[in-house]
Amino acid sequence: MLRGIRGAATVENNSKDEIWKAAQLLITKMLSANGMSLDDVGAIIFTSTNDLTAAFPTAGLRQLPGFNLVPLFDAQETFIEGSLPRCIRALILADLDKKTSEVIHVYLGEAKKLRPDL
């Protein structure tokens, strides 16, 4: 069944290395938390806040084995005054045999503030 899995992470600095590492860590944790493999993934969509300009998160993810075959997409997050800075958000669209209520969403670093209910 098609499911959406949400996640977000923050970085301290606008650097390629930090953006790439955050994207890699976020997606690997999202997959692991939901017991998924790359074969379950249909696509991954990333957004980044407008203060992250050093790198595309997808470019970092493509450094990991197998991710060159997964459709990946980057977009810029809409700027909203007072929103969380230096934030990368992800949406994995996947074939997952779980109820919506069983899906585990992953928020790392300061991004935990985005979903205190989780």
PDB file of N, CA and C in Angstrom:
ATOM      1  N   MET A   1       0.842  -1.164   0.000  1.00  0.00           N
ATOM      2  CA  MET A   1       0.000   0.000   0.000  1.00  0.00           C
ATOM      3  C   MET A   1       0.897   1.240   0.000  1.00  0.00           C
ATOM      4  N   LEU A   2       0.527   2.253  -0.757  1.00  0.00           N
ATOM      5  CA  LEU A   2       1.313   3.479  -0.812  1.00  0.00           C
ATOM      6  C   LEU A   2       1.178   4.248   0.492  1.00  0.00           C
ATOM      7  N   ARG A   3       2.321   4.609   1.071  1.00  0.00           N
ATOM      8  CA  ARG A   3       2.367   5.385   2.302  1.00  0.00           C
ATOM      9  C   ARG A   3       3.366   6.530   2.140  1.00  0.00           C
ATOM     10  N   GLY A   4       3.117   7.593   2.867  1.00  0.00           N
ATOM     11  CA  GLY A   4       4.053   8.704   2.941  1.00  0.00           C
ATOM     12  C   GLY A   4       4.703   8.707   4.305  1.00  0.00           C
ATOM     13  N   ILE A   5       6.010   8.802   4.316  1.00  0.00           N
ATOM     14  CA  ILE A   5       6.764   8.834   5.562  1.00  0.00           C
ATOM     15  C   ILE A   5       7.473  10.179   5.622  1.00  0.00           C
ATOM     16  N   ARG A   6       7.235  10.936   6.682  1.00  0.00           N
ATOM     17  CA  ARG A   6       7.793  12.285   6.820  1.00  0.00           C
ATOM     18  C   ARG A   6       8.991  12.278   7.747  1.00  0.00           C
ATOM     19  N   GLY A   7       9.866  13.236   7.497  1.00  0.00           N
ATOM     20  CA  GLY A   7      11.014  13.408   8.364  1.00  0.00           C
ATOM     21  C   GLY A   7      11.638  14.765   8.142  1.00  0.00           C
ATOM     22  N   ALA A   8      12.461  15.180   9.086  1.00  0.00           N
ATOM     23  CA  ALA A   8      13.173  16.453   8.964  1.00  0.00           C
ATOM     24  C   ALA A   8      14.419  16.409   9.835  1.00  0.00           C
ATOM     25  N   ALA A   9      15.385  17.209   9.434  1.00  0.00           N
ATOM     26  CA  ALA A   9      16.630  17.350  10.191  1.00  0.00           C
ATOM     27  C   ALA A   9      17.132  18.772  10.014  1.00  0.00           C
ATOM     28  N   THR A  10      17.929  19.203  10.953  1.00  0.00           N
ATOM     29  CA  THR A  10      18.553  20.521  10.855  1.00  0.00           C
ATOM     30  C   THR A  10      20.062  20.366  10.784  1.00  0.00           C
ATOM     31  N   VAL A  11      20.701  21.403  10.261  1.00  0.00           N
ATOM     32  CA  VAL A  11      22.162  21.457  10.230  1.00  0.00           C
ATOM     33  C   VAL A  11      22.599  22.727  10.947  1.00  0.00           C
ATOM     34  N   GLU A  12      23.814  22.718  11.442  1.00  0.00           N
ATOM     35  CA  GLU A  12      24.355  23.897  12.140  1.00  0.00           C
ATOM     36  C   GLU A  12      24.826  24.953  11.145  1.00  0.00           C
ATOM     37  N   ASN A  13      25.388  24.489  10.019  1.00  0.00           N
ATOM     38  CA  ASN A  13      25.989  25.404   9.052  1.00  0.00           C
ATOM     39  C   ASN A  13      25.525  25.090   7.639  1.00  0.00           C
ATOM     40  N   ASN A  14      25.538  26.097   6.794  1.00  0.00           N
ATOM     41  CA  ASN A  14      25.202  25.952   5.391  1.00  0.00           C
ATOM     42  C   ASN A  14      26.432  25.441   4.647  1.00  0.00           C
ATOM     43  N   SER A  15      26.712  24.151   4.804  1.00  0.00           N
ATOM     44  CA  SER A  15      27.875  23.555   4.131  1.00  0.00           C
ATOM     45  C   SER A  15      27.446  22.277   3.425  1.00  0.00           C
ATOM     46  N   LYS A  16      28.096  22.003   2.306  1.00  0.00           N
ATOM     47  CA  LYS A  16      27.782  20.810   1.528  1.00  0.00           C
ATOM     48  C   LYS A  16      27.889  19.557   2.390  1.00  0.00           C
ATOM     49  N   ASP A  17      28.965  19.459   3.140  1.00  0.00           N
ATOM     50  CA  ASP A  17      29.201  18.271   3.962  1.00  0.00           C
ATOM     51  C   ASP A  17      28.078  18.060   4.974  1.00  0.00           C
ATOM     52  N   GLU A  18      27.679  19.111   5.675  1.00  0.00           N
ATOM     53  CA  GLU A  18      26.616  18.982   6.683  1.00  0.00           C
ATOM     54  C   GLU A  18      25.265  18.658   6.037  1.00  0.00           C
ATOM     55  N   ILE A  19      24.959  19.288   4.932  1.00  0.00           N
ATOM     56  CA  ILE A  19      23.690  19.026   4.239  1.00  0.00           C
ATOM     57  C   ILE A  19      23.653  17.583   3.749  1.00  0.00           C
ATOM     58  N   TRP A  20      24.734  17.138   3.132  1.00  0.00           N
ATOM     59  CA  TRP A  20      24.779  15.761   2.635  1.00  0.00           C
ATOM     60  C   TRP A  20      24.672  14.752   3.773  1.00  0.00           C
ATOM     61  N   LYS A  21      25.424  14.962   4.848  1.00  0.00           N
ATOM     62  CA  LYS A  21      25.378  14.023   5.980  1.00  0.00           C
ATOM     63  C   LYS A  21      23.994  14.002   6.626  1.00  0.00           C
ATOM     64  N   ALA A  22      23.367  15.162   6.757  1.00  0.00           N
ATOM     65  CA  ALA A  22      22.030  15.216   7.356  1.00  0.00           C
ATOM     66  C   ALA A  22      21.016  14.469   6.488  1.00  0.00           C
ATOM     67  N   ALA A  23      21.084  14.651   5.182  1.00  0.00           N
ATOM     68  CA  ALA A  23      20.167  13.956   4.275  1.00  0.00           C
ATOM     69  C   ALA A  23      20.377  12.442   4.353  1.00  0.00           C
ATOM     70  N   GLN A  24      21.608  12.012   4.357  1.00  0.00           N
ATOM     71  CA  GLN A  24      21.914  10.584   4.443  1.00  0.00           C
ATOM     72  C   GLN A  24      21.416   9.985   5.750  1.00  0.00           C
ATOM     73  N   LEU A  25      21.704  10.653   6.866  1.00  0.00           N
ATOM     74  CA  LEU A  25      21.289  10.158   8.176  1.00  0.00           C
ATOM     75  C   LEU A  25      19.769  10.127   8.283  1.00  0.00           C
ATOM     76  N   LEU A  26      19.120  11.188   7.846  1.00  0.00           N
ATOM     77  CA  LEU A  26      17.663  11.258   7.928  1.00  0.00           C
ATOM     78  C   LEU A  26      17.009  10.119   7.170  1.00  0.00           C
ATOM     79  N   ILE A  27      17.398   9.917   5.932  1.00  0.00           N
ATOM     80  CA  ILE A  27      16.743   8.888   5.115  1.00  0.00           C
ATOM     81  C   ILE A  27      17.070   7.488   5.622  1.00  0.00           C
ATOM     82  N   THR A  28      18.299   7.227   6.004  1.00  0.00           N
ATOM     83  CA  THR A  28      18.618   5.888   6.516  1.00  0.00           C
ATOM     84  C   THR A  28      17.859   5.593   7.806  1.00  0.00           C
ATOM     85  N   LYS A  29      17.684   6.589   8.661  1.00  0.00           N
ATOM     86  CA  LYS A  29      16.895   6.393   9.892  1.00  0.00           C
ATOM     87  C   LYS A  29      15.413   6.187   9.576  1.00  0.00           C
ATOM     88  N   MET A  30      14.890   6.914   8.595  1.00  0.00           N
ATOM     89  CA  MET A  30      13.488   6.751   8.208  1.00  0.00           C
ATOM     90  C   MET A  30      13.234   5.345   7.666  1.00  0.00           C
ATOM     91  N   LEU A  31      14.141   4.863   6.839  1.00  0.00           N
ATOM     92  CA  LEU A  31      14.000   3.513   6.289  1.00  0.00           C
ATOM     93  C   LEU A  31      14.105   2.466   7.395  1.00  0.00           C
ATOM     94  N   SER A  32      15.105   2.602   8.235  1.00  0.00           N
ATOM     95  CA  SER A  32      15.322   1.651   9.326  1.00  0.00           C
ATOM     96  C   SER A  32      14.146   1.618  10.304  1.00  0.00           C
ATOM     97  N   ALA A  33      13.657   2.791  10.683  1.00  0.00           N
ATOM     98  CA  ALA A  33      12.559   2.869  11.656  1.00  0.00           C
ATOM     99  C   ALA A  33      11.297   2.182  11.153  1.00  0.00           C
ATOM    100  N   ASN A  34      11.144   2.122   9.834  1.00  0.00           N
ATOM    101  CA  ASN A  34       9.950   1.514   9.256  1.00  0.00           C
ATOM    102  C   ASN A  34      10.211   0.146   8.639  1.00  0.00           C
ATOM    103  N   GLY A  35      11.398  -0.416   8.886  1.00  0.00           N
ATOM    104  CA  GLY A  35      11.735  -1.751   8.415  1.00  0.00           C
ATOM    105  C   GLY A  35      11.708  -1.867   6.898  1.00  0.00           C
ATOM    106  N   MET A  36      12.205  -0.836   6.229  1.00  0.00           N
ATOM    107  CA  MET A  36      12.130  -0.783   4.772  1.00  0.00           C
ATOM    108  C   MET A  36      13.481  -1.000   4.110  1.00  0.00           C
ATOM    109  N   SER A  37      13.405  -1.433   2.846  1.00  0.00           N
ATOM    110  CA  SER A  37      14.593  -1.501   2.005  1.00  0.00           C
ATOM    111  C   SER A  37      14.390  -0.534   0.835  1.00  0.00           C
ATOM    112  N   LEU A  38      15.421  -0.343   0.047  1.00  0.00           N
ATOM    113  CA  LEU A  38      15.307   0.543  -1.117  1.00  0.00           C
ATOM    114  C   LEU A  38      14.254   0.059  -2.106  1.00  0.00           C
ATOM    115  N   ASP A  39      14.022  -1.236  -2.164  1.00  0.00           N
ATOM    116  CA  ASP A  39      13.017  -1.776  -3.086  1.00  0.00           C
ATOM    117  C   ASP A  39      11.602  -1.330  -2.730  1.00  0.00           C
ATOM    118  N   ASP A  40      11.381  -0.887  -1.508  1.00  0.00           N
ATOM    119  CA  ASP A  40      10.070  -0.408  -1.072  1.00  0.00           C
ATOM    120  C   ASP A  40       9.816   1.049  -1.471  1.00  0.00           C
ATOM    121  N   VAL A  41      10.887   1.771  -1.815  1.00  0.00           N
ATOM    122  CA  VAL A  41      10.798   3.210  -2.050  1.00  0.00           C
ATOM    123  C   VAL A  41      10.395   3.507  -3.492  1.00  0.00           C
ATOM    124  N   GLY A  42       9.341   4.337  -3.629  1.00  0.00           N
ATOM    125  CA  GLY A  42       8.925   4.783  -4.953  1.00  0.00           C
ATOM    126  C   GLY A  42       9.619   6.069  -5.343  1.00  0.00           C
ATOM    127  N   ALA A  43       9.764   6.997  -4.393  1.00  0.00           N
ATOM    128  CA  ALA A  43      10.411   8.287  -4.632  1.00  0.00           C
ATOM    129  C   ALA A  43      10.651   8.975  -3.302  1.00  0.00           C
ATOM    130  N   ILE A  44      11.594   9.928  -3.319  1.00  0.00           N
ATOM    131  CA  ILE A  44      11.875  10.742  -2.141  1.00  0.00           C
ATOM    132  C   ILE A  44      11.904  12.202  -2.572  1.00  0.00           C
ATOM    133  N   ILE A  45      11.159  13.019  -1.843  1.00  0.00           N
ATOM    134  CA  ILE A  45      11.097  14.455  -2.106  1.00  0.00           C
ATOM    135  C   ILE A  45      11.723  15.178  -0.915  1.00  0.00           C
ATOM    136  N   PHE A  46      12.637  16.090  -1.209  1.00  0.00           N
ATOM    137  CA  PHE A  46      13.268  16.918  -0.183  1.00  0.00           C
ATOM    138  C   PHE A  46      12.866  18.370  -0.372  1.00  0.00           C
ATOM    139  N   THR A  47      12.723  19.083   0.737  1.00  0.00           N
ATOM    140  CA  THR A  47      12.686  20.540   0.698  1.00  0.00           C
ATOM    141  C   THR A  47      13.746  21.046   1.667  1.00  0.00           C
ATOM    142  N   SER A  48      14.259  22.232   1.366  1.00  0.00           N
ATOM    143  CA  SER A  48      15.240  22.873   2.235  1.00  0.00           C
ATOM    144  C   SER A  48      14.817  24.317   2.453  1.00  0.00           C
ATOM    145  N   THR A  49      15.115  24.835   3.627  1.00  0.00           N
ATOM    146  CA  THR A  49      14.834  26.242   3.879  1.00  0.00           C
ATOM    147  C   THR A  49      15.753  27.094   3.013  1.00  0.00           C
ATOM    148  N   ASN A  50      15.356  28.346   2.783  1.00  0.00           N
ATOM    149  CA  ASN A  50      16.090  29.197   1.835  1.00  0.00           C
ATOM    150  C   ASN A  50      17.477  29.617   2.320  1.00  0.00           C
ATOM    151  N   ASP A  51      17.836  29.280   3.560  1.00  0.00           N
ATOM    152  CA  ASP A  51      19.176  29.585   4.054  1.00  0.00           C
ATOM    153  C   ASP A  51      20.169  28.456   3.788  1.00  0.00           C
ATOM    154  N   LEU A  52      19.713  27.382   3.166  1.00  0.00           N
ATOM    155  CA  LEU A  52      20.597  26.271   2.788  1.00  0.00           C
ATOM    156  C   LEU A  52      20.817  26.313   1.277  1.00  0.00           C
ATOM    157  N   THR A  53      21.968  26.830   0.902  1.00  0.00           N
ATOM    158  CA  THR A  53      22.274  27.033  -0.514  1.00  0.00           C
ATOM    159  C   THR A  53      23.548  26.327  -0.971  1.00  0.00           C
ATOM    160  N   ALA A  54      24.236  25.637  -0.077  1.00  0.00           N
ATOM    161  CA  ALA A  54      25.539  25.047  -0.394  1.00  0.00           C
ATOM    162  C   ALA A  54      25.443  23.735  -1.172  1.00  0.00           C
ATOM    163  N   ALA A  55      24.302  23.041  -1.079  1.00  0.00           N
ATOM    164  CA  ALA A  55      24.200  21.737  -1.739  1.00  0.00           C
ATOM    165  C   ALA A  55      22.750  21.271  -1.794  1.00  0.00           C
ATOM    166  N   PHE A  56      22.496  20.384  -2.741  1.00  0.00           N
ATOM    167  CA  PHE A  56      21.208  19.700  -2.811  1.00  0.00           C
ATOM    168  C   PHE A  56      21.254  18.479  -1.888  1.00  0.00           C
ATOM    169  N   PRO A  57      20.246  18.243  -1.044  1.00  0.00           N
ATOM    170  CA  PRO A  57      20.220  17.020  -0.236  1.00  0.00           C
ATOM    171  C   PRO A  57      20.279  15.755  -1.096  1.00  0.00           C
ATOM    172  N   THR A  58      19.623  15.777  -2.257  1.00  0.00           N
ATOM    173  CA  THR A  58      19.617  14.579  -3.110  1.00  0.00           C
ATOM    174  C   THR A  58      21.024  14.199  -3.563  1.00  0.00           C
ATOM    175  N   ALA A  59      21.873  15.188  -3.793  1.00  0.00           N
ATOM    176  CA  ALA A  59      23.241  14.882  -4.226  1.00  0.00           C
ATOM    177  C   ALA A  59      23.986  14.092  -3.151  1.00  0.00           C
ATOM    178  N   GLY A  60      23.720  14.400  -1.907  1.00  0.00           N
ATOM    179  CA  GLY A  60      24.332  13.642  -0.815  1.00  0.00           C
ATOM    180  C   GLY A  60      23.779  12.239  -0.721  1.00  0.00           C
ATOM    181  N   LEU A  61      22.476  12.125  -0.914  1.00  0.00           N
ATOM    182  CA  LEU A  61      21.855  10.801  -0.824  1.00  0.00           C
ATOM    183  C   LEU A  61      22.349   9.888  -1.942  1.00  0.00           C
ATOM    184  N   ARG A  62      22.593  10.459  -3.106  1.00  0.00           N
ATOM    185  CA  ARG A  62      23.076   9.653  -4.236  1.00  0.00           C
ATOM    186  C   ARG A  62      24.474   9.086  -3.998  1.00  0.00           C
ATOM    187  N   GLN A  63      25.160   9.548  -2.972  1.00  0.00           N
ATOM    188  CA  GLN A  63      26.476   9.009  -2.626  1.00  0.00           C
ATOM    189  C   GLN A  63      26.367   7.630  -1.976  1.00  0.00           C
ATOM    190  N   LEU A  64      25.170   7.291  -1.477  1.00  0.00           N
ATOM    191  CA  LEU A  64      24.966   5.995  -0.820  1.00  0.00           C
ATOM    192  C   LEU A  64      24.606   4.932  -1.852  1.00  0.00           C
ATOM    193  N   PRO A  65      25.060   3.700  -1.647  1.00  0.00           N
ATOM    194  CA  PRO A  65      24.789   2.625  -2.598  1.00  0.00           C
ATOM    195  C   PRO A  65      23.293   2.416  -2.849  1.00  0.00           C
ATOM    196  N   GLY A  66      22.935   2.313  -4.123  1.00  0.00           N
ATOM    197  CA  GLY A  66      21.564   2.010  -4.524  1.00  0.00           C
ATOM    198  C   GLY A  66      20.669   3.211  -4.720  1.00  0.00           C
ATOM    199  N   PHE A  67      21.001   4.346  -4.141  1.00  0.00           N
ATOM    200  CA  PHE A  67      20.125   5.508  -4.242  1.00  0.00           C
ATOM    201  C   PHE A  67      20.168   6.168  -5.619  1.00  0.00           C
ATOM    202  N   ASN A  68      21.125   5.806  -6.461  1.00  0.00           N
ATOM    203  CA  ASN A  68      21.163   6.337  -7.821  1.00  0.00           C
ATOM    204  C   ASN A  68      19.986   5.825  -8.652  1.00  0.00           C
ATOM    205  N   LEU A  69      19.309   4.781  -8.174  1.00  0.00           N
ATOM    206  CA  LEU A  69      18.164   4.211  -8.895  1.00  0.00           C
ATOM    207  C   LEU A  69      16.820   4.729  -8.380  1.00  0.00           C
ATOM    208  N   VAL A  70      16.831   5.458  -7.264  1.00  0.00           N
ATOM    209  CA  VAL A  70      15.603   5.959  -6.652  1.00  0.00           C
ATOM    210  C   VAL A  70      15.294   7.354  -7.206  1.00  0.00           C
ATOM    211  N   PRO A  71      14.064   7.599  -7.661  1.00  0.00           N
ATOM    212  CA  PRO A  71      13.714   8.960  -8.086  1.00  0.00           C
ATOM    213  C   PRO A  71      13.790   9.916  -6.890  1.00  0.00           C
ATOM    214  N   LEU A  72      14.610  10.960  -7.031  1.00  0.00           N
ATOM    215  CA  LEU A  72      14.823  11.942  -5.970  1.00  0.00           C
ATOM    216  C   LEU A  72      14.507  13.330  -6.510  1.00  0.00           C
ATOM    217  N   PHE A  73      13.991  14.207  -5.634  1.00  0.00           N
ATOM    218  CA  PHE A  73      13.588  15.543  -6.066  1.00  0.00           C
ATOM    219  C   PHE A  73      13.870  16.546  -4.959  1.00  0.00           C
ATOM    220  N   ASP A  74      14.423  17.699  -5.339  1.00  0.00           N
ATOM    221  CA  ASP A  74      14.685  18.791  -4.397  1.00  0.00           C
ATOM    222  C   ASP A  74      13.761  19.964  -4.693  1.00  0.00           C
ATOM    223  N   ALA A  75      13.360  20.682  -3.650  1.00  0.00           N
ATOM    224  CA  ALA A  75      12.594  21.916  -3.792  1.00  0.00           C
ATOM    225  C   ALA A  75      12.960  22.838  -2.637  1.00  0.00           C
ATOM    226  N   GLN A  76      12.680  24.122  -2.816  1.00  0.00           N
ATOM    227  CA  GLN A  76      12.925  25.072  -1.742  1.00  0.00           C
ATOM    228  C   GLN A  76      11.658  25.246  -0.922  1.00  0.00           C
ATOM    229  N   GLU A  77      11.817  25.194   0.373  1.00  0.00           N
ATOM    230  CA  GLU A  77      10.712  25.391   1.310  1.00  0.00           C
ATOM    231  C   GLU A  77      10.194  26.831   1.204  1.00  0.00           C
ATOM    232  N   THR A  78       8.919  27.009   1.320  1.00  0.00           N
ATOM    233  CA  THR A  78       8.350  28.349   1.357  1.00  0.00           C
ATOM    234  C   THR A  78       8.860  29.072   2.598  1.00  0.00           C
ATOM    235  N   PHE A  79       9.319  30.314   2.415  1.00  0.00           N
ATOM    236  CA  PHE A  79       9.805  31.068   3.566  1.00  0.00           C
ATOM    237  C   PHE A  79       8.611  31.599   4.360  1.00  0.00           C
ATOM    238  N   ILE A  80       8.593  31.279   5.631  1.00  0.00           N
ATOM    239  CA  ILE A  80       7.581  31.777   6.560  1.00  0.00           C
ATOM    240  C   ILE A  80       8.341  32.414   7.725  1.00  0.00           C
ATOM    241  N   GLU A  81       8.022  33.651   8.034  1.00  0.00           N
ATOM    242  CA  GLU A  81       8.683  34.343   9.136  1.00  0.00           C
ATOM    243  C   GLU A  81       8.595  33.523  10.418  1.00  0.00           C
ATOM    244  N   GLY A  82       9.728  33.388  11.084  1.00  0.00           N
ATOM    245  CA  GLY A  82       9.768  32.664  12.346  1.00  0.00           C
ATOM    246  C   GLY A  82       9.878  31.156  12.207  1.00  0.00           C
ATOM    247  N   SER A  83       9.983  30.656  10.977  1.00  0.00           N
ATOM    248  CA  SER A  83      10.078  29.198  10.802  1.00  0.00           C
ATOM    249  C   SER A  83      11.475  28.703  11.181  1.00  0.00           C
ATOM    250  N   LEU A  84      11.578  27.421  11.367  1.00  0.00           N
ATOM    251  CA  LEU A  84      12.825  26.790  11.790  1.00  0.00           C
ATOM    252  C   LEU A  84      13.908  26.969  10.720  1.00  0.00           C
ATOM    253  N   PRO A  85      15.060  27.539  11.084  1.00  0.00           N
ATOM    254  CA  PRO A  85      16.123  27.736  10.092  1.00  0.00           C
ATOM    255  C   PRO A  85      16.946  26.477   9.837  1.00  0.00           C
ATOM    256  N   ARG A  86      17.654  26.495   8.707  1.00  0.00           N
ATOM    257  CA  ARG A  86      18.595  25.430   8.316  1.00  0.00           C
ATOM    258  C   ARG A  86      17.962  24.044   8.437  1.00  0.00           C
ATOM    259  N   CYS A  87      16.780  23.900   7.852  1.00  0.00           N
ATOM    260  CA  CYS A  87      16.007  22.670   7.988  1.00  0.00           C
ATOM    261  C   CYS A  87      15.832  21.970   6.641  1.00  0.00           C
ATOM    262  N   ILE A  88      16.021  20.669   6.663  1.00  0.00           N
ATOM    263  CA  ILE A  88      15.799  19.801   5.512  1.00  0.00           C
ATOM    264  C   ILE A  88      14.617  18.905   5.864  1.00  0.00           C
ATOM    265  N   ARG A  89      13.606  18.900   5.011  1.00  0.00           N
ATOM    266  CA  ARG A  89      12.451  18.029   5.212  1.00  0.00           C
ATOM    267  C   ARG A  89      12.443  16.973   4.117  1.00  0.00           C
ATOM    268  N   ALA A  90      11.911  15.802   4.444  1.00  0.00           N
ATOM    269  CA  ALA A  90      11.846  14.722   3.466  1.00  0.00           C
ATOM    270  C   ALA A  90      10.486  14.041   3.515  1.00  0.00           C
ATOM    271  N   LEU A  91      10.066  13.580   2.353  1.00  0.00           N
ATOM    272  CA  LEU A  91       8.871  12.763   2.220  1.00  0.00           C
ATOM    273  C   LEU A  91       9.244  11.564   1.379  1.00  0.00           C
ATOM    274  N   ILE A  92       9.157  10.393   1.989  1.00  0.00           N
ATOM    275  CA  ILE A  92       9.382   9.150   1.255  1.00  0.00           C
ATOM    276  C   ILE A  92       8.022   8.599   0.857  1.00  0.00           C
ATOM    277  N   LEU A  93       7.849   8.334  -0.429  1.00  0.00           N
ATOM    278  CA  LEU A  93       6.653   7.657  -0.930  1.00  0.00           C
ATOM    279  C   LEU A  93       7.046   6.205  -1.126  1.00  0.00           C
ATOM    280  N   ALA A  94       6.346   5.299  -0.425  1.00  0.00           N
ATOM    281  CA  ALA A  94       6.803   3.919  -0.393  1.00  0.00           C
ATOM    282  C   ALA A  94       5.658   2.921  -0.367  1.00  0.00           C
ATOM    283  N   ASP A  95       5.991   1.716  -0.799  1.00  0.00           N
ATOM    284  CA  ASP A  95       5.092   0.580  -0.691  1.00  0.00           C
ATOM    285  C   ASP A  95       5.355  -0.027   0.686  1.00  0.00           C
ATOM    286  N   LEU A  96       4.383   0.132   1.579  1.00  0.00           N
ATOM    287  CA  LEU A  96       4.600  -0.257   2.966  1.00  0.00           C
ATOM    288  C   LEU A  96       3.362  -0.953   3.507  1.00  0.00           C
ATOM    289  N   ASP A  97       3.546  -2.141   4.046  1.00  0.00           N
ATOM    290  CA  ASP A  97       2.434  -2.904   4.612  1.00  0.00           C
ATOM    291  C   ASP A  97       2.219  -2.528   6.076  1.00  0.00           C
ATOM    292  N   LYS A  98       1.877  -1.268   6.301  1.00  0.00           N
ATOM    293  CA  LYS A  98       1.569  -0.771   7.638  1.00  0.00           C
ATOM    294  C   LYS A  98       0.352   0.129   7.532  1.00  0.00           C
ATOM    295  N   LYS A  99      -0.401   0.200   8.620  1.00  0.00           N
ATOM    296  CA  LYS A  99      -1.476   1.174   8.698  1.00  0.00           C
ATOM    297  C   LYS A  99      -0.845   2.553   8.826  1.00  0.00           C
ATOM    298  N   THR A 100      -1.575   3.570   8.416  1.00  0.00           N
ATOM    299  CA  THR A 100      -1.068   4.935   8.532  1.00  0.00           C
ATOM    300  C   THR A 100      -0.635   5.230   9.968  1.00  0.00           C
ATOM    301  N   SER A 101      -1.380   4.756  10.930  1.00  0.00           N
ATOM    302  CA  SER A 101      -1.065   5.010  12.337  1.00  0.00           C
ATOM    303  C   SER A 101       0.196   4.274  12.806  1.00  0.00           C
ATOM    304  N   GLU A 102       0.676   3.311  12.036  1.00  0.00           N
ATOM    305  CA  GLU A 102       1.870   2.544  12.400  1.00  0.00           C
ATOM    306  C   GLU A 102       3.153   3.090  11.775  1.00  0.00           C
ATOM    307  N   VAL A 103       3.008   4.017  10.836  1.00  0.00           N
ATOM    308  CA  VAL A 103       4.177   4.596  10.174  1.00  0.00           C
ATOM    309  C   VAL A 103       4.957   5.439  11.177  1.00  0.00           C
ATOM    310  N   ILE A 104       6.276   5.289  11.167  1.00  0.00           N
ATOM    311  CA  ILE A 104       7.135   6.035  12.078  1.00  0.00           C
ATOM    312  C   ILE A 104       7.803   7.165  11.312  1.00  0.00           C
ATOM    313  N   HIS A 105       7.513   8.391  11.732  1.00  0.00           N
ATOM    314  CA  HIS A 105       8.106   9.580  11.141  1.00  0.00           C
ATOM    315  C   HIS A 105       9.316   9.968  11.990  1.00  0.00           C
ATOM    316  N   VAL A 106      10.345  10.514  11.356  1.00  0.00           N
ATOM    317  CA  VAL A 106      11.620  10.747  12.042  1.00  0.00           C
ATOM    318  C   VAL A 106      11.996  12.226  11.985  1.00  0.00           C
ATOM    319  N   TYR A 107      12.243  12.811  13.145  1.00  0.00           N
ATOM    320  CA  TYR A 107      12.647  14.214  13.249  1.00  0.00           C
ATOM    321  C   TYR A 107      13.921  14.279  14.079  1.00  0.00           C
ATOM    322  N   LEU A 108      14.973  14.857  13.496  1.00  0.00           N
ATOM    323  CA  LEU A 108      16.294  14.883  14.125  1.00  0.00           C
ATOM    324  C   LEU A 108      16.730  16.308  14.461  1.00  0.00           C
ATOM    325  N   GLY A 109      17.552  16.434  15.483  1.00  0.00           N
ATOM    326  CA  GLY A 109      18.083  17.740  15.859  1.00  0.00           C
ATOM    327  C   GLY A 109      16.976  18.700  16.260  1.00  0.00           C
ATOM    328  N   GLU A 110      17.127  19.949  15.854  1.00  0.00           N
ATOM    329  CA  GLU A 110      16.141  20.975  16.183  1.00  0.00           C
ATOM    330  C   GLU A 110      14.801  20.718  15.509  1.00  0.00           C
ATOM    331  N   ALA A 111      14.784  19.870  14.491  1.00  0.00           N
ATOM    332  CA  ALA A 111      13.537  19.556  13.781  1.00  0.00           C
ATOM    333  C   ALA A 111      12.539  18.810  14.667  1.00  0.00           C
ATOM    334  N   LYS A 112      12.993  18.282  15.793  1.00  0.00           N
ATOM    335  CA  LYS A 112      12.073  17.635  16.736  1.00  0.00           C
ATOM    336  C   LYS A 112      10.990  18.608  17.200  1.00  0.00           C
ATOM    337  N   LYS A 113      11.315  19.900  17.170  1.00  0.00           N
ATOM    338  CA  LYS A 113      10.354  20.926  17.565  1.00  0.00           C
ATOM    339  C   LYS A 113       9.151  21.013  16.614  1.00  0.00           C
ATOM    340  N   LEU A 114       9.340  20.533  15.370  1.00  0.00           N
ATOM    341  CA  LEU A 114       8.271  20.617  14.384  1.00  0.00           C
ATOM    342  C   LEU A 114       7.105  19.698  14.709  1.00  0.00           C
ATOM    343  N   ARG A 115       7.395  18.573  15.343  1.00  0.00           N
ATOM    344  CA  ARG A 115       6.355  17.600  15.657  1.00  0.00           C
ATOM    345  C   ARG A 115       6.500  17.081  17.081  1.00  0.00           C
ATOM    346  N   PRO A 116       6.250  17.923  18.069  1.00  0.00           N
ATOM    347  CA  PRO A 116       6.375  17.474  19.464  1.00  0.00           C
ATOM    348  C   PRO A 116       5.384  16.366  19.806  1.00  0.00           C
ATOM    349  N   ASP A 117       4.338  16.224  19.006  1.00  0.00           N
ATOM    350  CA  ASP A 117       3.341  15.167  19.245  1.00  0.00           C
ATOM    351  C   ASP A 117       3.895  13.783  18.920  1.00  0.00           C
ATOM    352  N   LEU A 118       4.993  13.717  18.191  1.00  0.00           N
ATOM    353  CA  LEU A 118       5.589  12.426  17.856  1.00  0.00           C
ATOM    354  C   LEU A 118       6.701  12.101  18.830  1.00  0.00           C
TER     355      LEU A 118
END
